[in-house]
Amino acid sequence: MTLLLERAINEVKKLTDDQQDALAQLILENLDEQRWDELFSRSESETLLEKLANEALAEYHAGKTQNIHPGTR
């Protein structure tokens, strides 16, 4: 662990439980976002997404899809 991170953690320990949880949630969300950014920045991701989009469009044009209404069952 770096000294800066260790210092930050020591400061976080002084916060209330609710404040610690809120900060932890922000950190985890940021890490998740970085992972998604990394995945989408790869050239193979663009190829895969294009393939999936084309398959979805083909299914739509072939009448193999149905409308859904979010929030209803």
PDB file of N, CA and C in Angstrom:
ATOM      1  N   MET A   1       0.864  -1.173   0.000  1.00  0.00           N
ATOM      2  CA  MET A   1       0.000   0.000   0.000  1.00  0.00           C
ATOM      3  C   MET A   1       0.905   1.229   0.000  1.00  0.00           C
ATOM      4  N   THR A   2       0.542   2.220  -0.775  1.00  0.00           N
ATOM      5  CA  THR A   2       1.351   3.437  -0.820  1.00  0.00           C
ATOM      6  C   THR A   2       1.128   4.260   0.443  1.00  0.00           C
ATOM      7  N   LEU A   3       2.073   5.150   0.711  1.00  0.00           N
ATOM      8  CA  LEU A   3       1.955   6.014   1.884  1.00  0.00           C
ATOM      9  C   LEU A   3       0.747   6.938   1.777  1.00  0.00           C
ATOM     10  N   LEU A   4       0.487   7.430   0.584  1.00  0.00           N
ATOM     11  CA  LEU A   4      -0.652   8.326   0.395  1.00  0.00           C
ATOM     12  C   LEU A   4      -1.965   7.600   0.663  1.00  0.00           C
ATOM     13  N   LEU A   5      -2.093   6.387   0.167  1.00  0.00           N
ATOM     14  CA  LEU A   5      -3.313   5.625   0.405  1.00  0.00           C
ATOM     15  C   LEU A   5      -3.453   5.287   1.887  1.00  0.00           C
ATOM     16  N   GLU A   6      -2.357   4.928   2.513  1.00  0.00           N
ATOM     17  CA  GLU A   6      -2.393   4.630   3.946  1.00  0.00           C
ATOM     18  C   GLU A   6      -2.839   5.865   4.735  1.00  0.00           C
ATOM     19  N   ARG A   7      -2.335   7.029   4.347  1.00  0.00           N
ATOM     20  CA  ARG A   7      -2.740   8.279   5.006  1.00  0.00           C
ATOM     21  C   ARG A   7      -4.229   8.537   4.818  1.00  0.00           C
ATOM     22  N   ALA A   8      -4.702   8.322   3.596  1.00  0.00           N
ATOM     23  CA  ALA A   8      -6.124   8.535   3.306  1.00  0.00           C
ATOM     24  C   ALA A   8      -6.994   7.591   4.130  1.00  0.00           C
ATOM     25  N   ILE A   9      -6.586   6.343   4.221  1.00  0.00           N
ATOM     26  CA  ILE A   9      -7.362   5.369   4.989  1.00  0.00           C
ATOM     27  C   ILE A   9      -7.389   5.749   6.463  1.00  0.00           C
ATOM     28  N   ASN A  10      -6.279   6.216   6.981  1.00  0.00           N
ATOM     29  CA  ASN A  10      -6.251   6.651   8.378  1.00  0.00           C
ATOM     30  C   ASN A  10      -7.215   7.811   8.617  1.00  0.00           C
ATOM     31  N   GLU A  11      -7.351   8.698   7.647  1.00  0.00           N
ATOM     32  CA  GLU A  11      -8.294   9.808   7.771  1.00  0.00           C
ATOM     33  C   GLU A  11      -9.735   9.307   7.680  1.00  0.00           C
ATOM     34  N   VAL A  12      -9.954   8.352   6.803  1.00  0.00           N
ATOM     35  CA  VAL A  12     -11.299   7.791   6.633  1.00  0.00           C
ATOM     36  C   VAL A  12     -11.759   7.100   7.913  1.00  0.00           C
ATOM     37  N   LYS A  13     -10.839   6.486   8.615  1.00  0.00           N
ATOM     38  CA  LYS A  13     -11.184   5.803   9.862  1.00  0.00           C
ATOM     39  C   LYS A  13     -11.774   6.749  10.896  1.00  0.00           C
ATOM     40  N   LYS A  14     -11.523   8.034  10.752  1.00  0.00           N
ATOM     41  CA  LYS A  14     -12.026   9.034  11.692  1.00  0.00           C
ATOM     42  C   LYS A  14     -13.482   9.423  11.395  1.00  0.00           C
ATOM     43  N   LEU A  15     -13.987   9.027  10.236  1.00  0.00           N
ATOM     44  CA  LEU A  15     -15.343   9.390   9.824  1.00  0.00           C
ATOM     45  C   LEU A  15     -16.364   8.480  10.496  1.00  0.00           C
ATOM     46  N   THR A  16     -17.607   8.911  10.477  1.00  0.00           N
ATOM     47  CA  THR A  16     -18.688   8.062  10.992  1.00  0.00           C
ATOM     48  C   THR A  16     -18.867   6.859  10.075  1.00  0.00           C
ATOM     49  N   ASP A  17     -19.578   5.851  10.555  1.00  0.00           N
ATOM     50  CA  ASP A  17     -19.834   4.666   9.735  1.00  0.00           C
ATOM     51  C   ASP A  17     -20.564   5.028   8.447  1.00  0.00           C
ATOM     52  N   ASP A  18     -21.554   5.910   8.550  1.00  0.00           N
ATOM     53  CA  ASP A  18     -22.297   6.322   7.352  1.00  0.00           C
ATOM     54  C   ASP A  18     -21.385   7.029   6.351  1.00  0.00           C
ATOM     55  N   GLN A  19     -20.509   7.888   6.837  1.00  0.00           N
ATOM     56  CA  GLN A  19     -19.584   8.595   5.950  1.00  0.00           C
ATOM     57  C   GLN A  19     -18.595   7.620   5.313  1.00  0.00           C
ATOM     58  N   GLN A  20     -18.137   6.646   6.092  1.00  0.00           N
ATOM     59  CA  GLN A  20     -17.226   5.635   5.546  1.00  0.00           C
ATOM     60  C   GLN A  20     -17.910   4.821   4.456  1.00  0.00           C
ATOM     61  N   ASP A  21     -19.168   4.430   4.701  1.00  0.00           N
ATOM     62  CA  ASP A  21     -19.910   3.666   3.702  1.00  0.00           C
ATOM     63  C   ASP A  21     -20.116   4.468   2.423  1.00  0.00           C
ATOM     64  N   ALA A  22     -20.435   5.752   2.574  1.00  0.00           N
ATOM     65  CA  ALA A  22     -20.649   6.599   1.402  1.00  0.00           C
ATOM     66  C   ALA A  22     -19.362   6.728   0.589  1.00  0.00           C
ATOM     67  N   LEU A  23     -18.258   6.914   1.261  1.00  0.00           N
ATOM     68  CA  LEU A  23     -16.976   7.028   0.572  1.00  0.00           C
ATOM     69  C   LEU A  23     -16.595   5.702  -0.089  1.00  0.00           C
ATOM     70  N   ALA A  24     -16.825   4.601   0.619  1.00  0.00           N
ATOM     71  CA  ALA A  24     -16.535   3.291   0.044  1.00  0.00           C
ATOM     72  C   ALA A  24     -17.360   3.057  -1.215  1.00  0.00           C
ATOM     73  N   GLN A  25     -18.633   3.454  -1.193  1.00  0.00           N
ATOM     74  CA  GLN A  25     -19.494   3.300  -2.364  1.00  0.00           C
ATOM     75  C   GLN A  25     -18.964   4.106  -3.543  1.00  0.00           C
ATOM     76  N   LEU A  26     -18.516   5.331  -3.293  1.00  0.00           N
ATOM     77  CA  LEU A  26     -17.946   6.156  -4.361  1.00  0.00           C
ATOM     78  C   LEU A  26     -16.699   5.511  -4.957  1.00  0.00           C
ATOM     79  N   ILE A  27     -15.845   4.982  -4.100  1.00  0.00           N
ATOM     80  CA  ILE A  27     -14.623   4.338  -4.571  1.00  0.00           C
ATOM     81  C   ILE A  27     -14.958   3.124  -5.425  1.00  0.00           C
ATOM     82  N   LEU A  28     -15.875   2.283  -4.943  1.00  0.00           N
ATOM     83  CA  LEU A  28     -16.241   1.084  -5.693  1.00  0.00           C
ATOM     84  C   LEU A  28     -16.881   1.426  -7.031  1.00  0.00           C
ATOM     85  N   GLU A  29     -17.730   2.442  -7.055  1.00  0.00           N
ATOM     86  CA  GLU A  29     -18.354   2.863  -8.312  1.00  0.00           C
ATOM     87  C   GLU A  29     -17.300   3.363  -9.292  1.00  0.00           C
ATOM     88  N   ASN A  30     -16.321   4.094  -8.781  1.00  0.00           N
ATOM     89  CA  ASN A  30     -15.255   4.603  -9.634  1.00  0.00           C
ATOM     90  C   ASN A  30     -14.425   3.465 -10.205  1.00  0.00           C
ATOM     91  N   LEU A  31     -14.119   2.476  -9.378  1.00  0.00           N
ATOM     92  CA  LEU A  31     -13.353   1.327  -9.856  1.00  0.00           C
ATOM     93  C   LEU A  31     -14.130   0.553 -10.910  1.00  0.00           C
ATOM     94  N   ASP A  32     -15.440   0.381 -10.696  1.00  0.00           N
ATOM     95  CA  ASP A  32     -16.274  -0.293 -11.687  1.00  0.00           C
ATOM     96  C   ASP A  32     -16.274   0.469 -13.000  1.00  0.00           C
ATOM     97  N   GLU A  33     -16.383   1.788 -12.913  1.00  0.00           N
ATOM     98  CA  GLU A  33     -16.394   2.614 -14.122  1.00  0.00           C
ATOM     99  C   GLU A  33     -15.072   2.490 -14.872  1.00  0.00           C
ATOM    100  N   GLN A  34     -13.970   2.449 -14.147  1.00  0.00           N
ATOM    101  CA  GLN A  34     -12.665   2.281 -14.783  1.00  0.00           C
ATOM    102  C   GLN A  34     -12.576   0.945 -15.495  1.00  0.00           C
ATOM    103  N   ARG A  35     -13.130  -0.103 -14.889  1.00  0.00           N
ATOM    104  CA  ARG A  35     -13.113  -1.430 -15.529  1.00  0.00           C
ATOM    105  C   ARG A  35     -13.915  -1.410 -16.830  1.00  0.00           C
ATOM    106  N   TRP A  36     -15.108  -0.781 -16.788  1.00  0.00           N
ATOM    107  CA  TRP A  36     -15.922  -0.689 -18.004  1.00  0.00           C
ATOM    108  C   TRP A  36     -15.193   0.113 -19.067  1.00  0.00           C
ATOM    109  N   ASP A  37     -14.569   1.232 -18.680  1.00  0.00           N
ATOM    110  CA  ASP A  37     -13.823   2.043 -19.645  1.00  0.00           C
ATOM    111  C   ASP A  37     -12.711   1.232 -20.287  1.00  0.00           C
ATOM    112  N   GLU A  38     -12.027   0.438 -19.471  1.00  0.00           N
ATOM    113  CA  GLU A  38     -10.952  -0.402 -19.997  1.00  0.00           C
ATOM    114  C   GLU A  38     -11.495  -1.439 -20.969  1.00  0.00           C
ATOM    115  N   LEU A  39     -12.599  -2.070 -20.599  1.00  0.00           N
ATOM    116  CA  LEU A  39     -13.183  -3.085 -21.474  1.00  0.00           C
ATOM    117  C   LEU A  39     -13.634  -2.484 -22.801  1.00  0.00           C
ATOM    118  N   PHE A  40     -14.290  -1.337 -22.751  1.00  0.00           N
ATOM    119  CA  PHE A  40     -14.810  -0.734 -23.979  1.00  0.00           C
ATOM    120  C   PHE A  40     -13.719  -0.089 -24.820  1.00  0.00           C
ATOM    121  N   SER A  41     -12.552   0.154 -24.261  1.00  0.00           N
ATOM    122  CA  SER A  41     -11.476   0.762 -25.031  1.00  0.00           C
ATOM    123  C   SER A  41     -10.722  -0.260 -25.877  1.00  0.00           C
ATOM    124  N   ARG A  42     -10.942  -1.529 -25.630  1.00  0.00           N
ATOM    125  CA  ARG A  42     -10.272  -2.576 -26.400  1.00  0.00           C
ATOM    126  C   ARG A  42     -10.888  -2.686 -27.788  1.00  0.00           C
ATOM    127  N   SER A  43     -10.047  -2.939 -28.780  1.00  0.00           N
ATOM    128  CA  SER A  43     -10.548  -3.021 -30.162  1.00  0.00           C
ATOM    129  C   SER A  43     -11.513  -4.184 -30.341  1.00  0.00           C
ATOM    130  N   GLU A  44     -11.285  -5.297 -29.639  1.00  0.00           N
ATOM    131  CA  GLU A  44     -12.186  -6.441 -29.798  1.00  0.00           C
ATOM    132  C   GLU A  44     -13.572  -6.146 -29.240  1.00  0.00           C
ATOM    133  N   SER A  45     -13.672  -5.192 -28.298  1.00  0.00           N
ATOM    134  CA  SER A  45     -14.974  -4.825 -27.755  1.00  0.00           C
ATOM    135  C   SER A  45     -15.848  -4.190 -28.835  1.00  0.00           C
ATOM    136  N   GLU A  46     -15.249  -3.334 -29.632  1.00  0.00           N
ATOM    137  CA  GLU A  46     -16.013  -2.682 -30.696  1.00  0.00           C
ATOM    138  C   GLU A  46     -16.542  -3.722 -31.677  1.00  0.00           C
ATOM    139  N   THR A  47     -15.709  -4.675 -32.024  1.00  0.00           N
ATOM    140  CA  THR A  47     -16.115  -5.736 -32.947  1.00  0.00           C
ATOM    141  C   THR A  47     -17.244  -6.565 -32.353  1.00  0.00           C
ATOM    142  N   LEU A  48     -17.105  -6.938 -31.078  1.00  0.00           N
ATOM    143  CA  LEU A  48     -18.128  -7.747 -30.425  1.00  0.00           C
ATOM    144  C   LEU A  48     -19.442  -6.975 -30.303  1.00  0.00           C
ATOM    145  N   LEU A  49     -19.374  -5.704 -29.909  1.00  0.00           N
ATOM    146  CA  LEU A  49     -20.597  -4.904 -29.785  1.00  0.00           C
ATOM    147  C   LEU A  49     -21.291  -4.729 -31.129  1.00  0.00           C
ATOM    148  N   GLU A  50     -20.507  -4.546 -32.173  1.00  0.00           N
ATOM    149  CA  GLU A  50     -21.089  -4.413 -33.510  1.00  0.00           C
ATOM    150  C   GLU A  50     -21.781  -5.712 -33.919  1.00  0.00           C
ATOM    151  N   LYS A  51     -21.145  -6.858 -33.620  1.00  0.00           N
ATOM    152  CA  LYS A  51     -21.733  -8.162 -33.937  1.00  0.00           C
ATOM    153  C   LYS A  51     -23.043  -8.354 -33.179  1.00  0.00           C
ATOM    154  N   LEU A  52     -23.047  -8.028 -31.882  1.00  0.00           N
ATOM    155  CA  LEU A  52     -24.261  -8.165 -31.087  1.00  0.00           C
ATOM    156  C   LEU A  52     -25.377  -7.246 -31.590  1.00  0.00           C
ATOM    157  N   ALA A  53     -25.018  -6.034 -31.962  1.00  0.00           N
ATOM    158  CA  ALA A  53     -26.015  -5.095 -32.487  1.00  0.00           C
ATOM    159  C   ALA A  53     -26.611  -5.621 -33.788  1.00  0.00           C
ATOM    160  N   ASN A  54     -25.769  -6.146 -34.654  1.00  0.00           N
ATOM    161  CA  ASN A  54     -26.264  -6.692 -35.926  1.00  0.00           C
ATOM    162  C   ASN A  54     -27.175  -7.888 -35.703  1.00  0.00           C
ATOM    163  N   GLU A  55     -26.825  -8.746 -34.733  1.00  0.00           N
ATOM    164  CA  GLU A  55     -27.684  -9.885 -34.423  1.00  0.00           C
ATOM    165  C   GLU A  55     -29.034  -9.420 -33.883  1.00  0.00           C
ATOM    166  N   ALA A  56     -29.018  -8.410 -33.028  1.00  0.00           N
ATOM    167  CA  ALA A  56     -30.267  -7.892 -32.464  1.00  0.00           C
ATOM    168  C   ALA A  56     -31.136  -7.293 -33.558  1.00  0.00           C
ATOM    169  N   LEU A  57     -30.533  -6.552 -34.465  1.00  0.00           N
ATOM    170  CA  LEU A  57     -31.301  -5.968 -35.570  1.00  0.00           C
ATOM    171  C   LEU A  57     -31.879  -7.058 -36.472  1.00  0.00           C
ATOM    172  N   ALA A  58     -31.098  -8.097 -36.747  1.00  0.00           N
ATOM    173  CA  ALA A  58     -31.585  -9.188 -37.590  1.00  0.00           C
ATOM    174  C   ALA A  58     -32.777  -9.879 -36.935  1.00  0.00           C
ATOM    175  N   GLU A  59     -32.700 -10.100 -35.622  1.00  0.00           N
ATOM    176  CA  GLU A  59     -33.828 -10.708 -34.909  1.00  0.00           C
ATOM    177  C   GLU A  59     -35.047  -9.792 -34.946  1.00  0.00           C
ATOM    178  N   TYR A  60     -34.831  -8.508 -34.803  1.00  0.00           N
ATOM    179  CA  TYR A  60     -35.942  -7.543 -34.857  1.00  0.00           C
ATOM    180  C   TYR A  60     -36.607  -7.585 -36.237  1.00  0.00           C
ATOM    181  N   HIS A  61     -35.794  -7.514 -37.291  1.00  0.00           N
ATOM    182  CA  HIS A  61     -36.345  -7.506 -38.650  1.00  0.00           C
ATOM    183  C   HIS A  61     -36.999  -8.840 -39.008  1.00  0.00           C
ATOM    184  N   ALA A  62     -36.579  -9.916 -38.363  1.00  0.00           N
ATOM    185  CA  ALA A  62     -37.176 -11.231 -38.618  1.00  0.00           C
ATOM    186  C   ALA A  62     -38.425 -11.456 -37.767  1.00  0.00           C
ATOM    187  N   GLY A  63     -38.792 -10.469 -36.959  1.00  0.00           N
ATOM    188  CA  GLY A  63     -39.986 -10.590 -36.137  1.00  0.00           C
ATOM    189  C   GLY A  63     -39.804 -11.499 -34.926  1.00  0.00           C
ATOM    190  N   LYS A  64     -38.582 -11.687 -34.508  1.00  0.00           N
ATOM    191  CA  LYS A  64     -38.305 -12.576 -33.378  1.00  0.00           C
ATOM    192  C   LYS A  64     -38.210 -11.839 -32.051  1.00  0.00           C
ATOM    193  N   THR A  65     -38.612 -10.582 -32.049  1.00  0.00           N
ATOM    194  CA  THR A  65     -38.549  -9.803 -30.809  1.00  0.00           C
ATOM    195  C   THR A  65     -39.960  -9.386 -30.402  1.00  0.00           C
ATOM    196  N   GLN A  66     -40.076  -8.937 -29.196  1.00  0.00           N
ATOM    197  CA  GLN A  66     -41.369  -8.441 -28.734  1.00  0.00           C
ATOM    198  C   GLN A  66     -41.146  -7.152 -27.941  1.00  0.00           C
ATOM    199  N   ASN A  67     -42.143  -6.304 -27.958  1.00  0.00           N
ATOM    200  CA  ASN A  67     -42.080  -5.079 -27.173  1.00  0.00           C
ATOM    201  C   ASN A  67     -42.232  -5.413 -25.698  1.00  0.00           C
ATOM    202  N   ILE A  68     -41.488  -4.724 -24.895  1.00  0.00           N
ATOM    203  CA  ILE A  68     -41.645  -4.880 -23.462  1.00  0.00           C
ATOM    204  C   ILE A  68     -41.990  -3.527 -22.873  1.00  0.00           C
ATOM    205  N   HIS A  69     -42.630  -3.552 -21.755  1.00  0.00           N
ATOM    206  CA  HIS A  69     -43.043  -2.326 -21.095  1.00  0.00           C
ATOM    207  C   HIS A  69     -42.450  -2.324 -19.699  1.00  0.00           C
ATOM    208  N   PRO A  70     -41.335  -1.633 -19.516  1.00  0.00           N
ATOM    209  CA  PRO A  70     -40.692  -1.620 -18.189  1.00  0.00           C
ATOM    210  C   PRO A  70     -41.667  -1.208 -17.091  1.00  0.00           C
ATOM    211  N   GLY A  71     -41.561  -1.868 -15.968  1.00  0.00           N
ATOM    212  CA  GLY A  71     -42.408  -1.534 -14.832  1.00  0.00           C
ATOM    213  C   GLY A  71     -43.727  -2.284 -14.796  1.00  0.00           C
ATOM    214  N   THR A  72     -44.010  -3.030 -15.864  1.00  0.00           N
ATOM    215  CA  THR A  72     -45.236  -3.842 -15.878  1.00  0.00           C
ATOM    216  C   THR A  72     -44.835  -5.295 -16.020  1.00  0.00           C
ATOM    217  N   ARG A  73     -45.735  -6.159 -15.646  1.00  0.00           N
ATOM    218  CA  ARG A  73     -45.422  -7.598 -15.754  1.00  0.00           C
ATOM    219  C   ARG A  73     -46.419  -8.289 -16.619  1.00  0.00           C
TER     220      ARG A  73
END
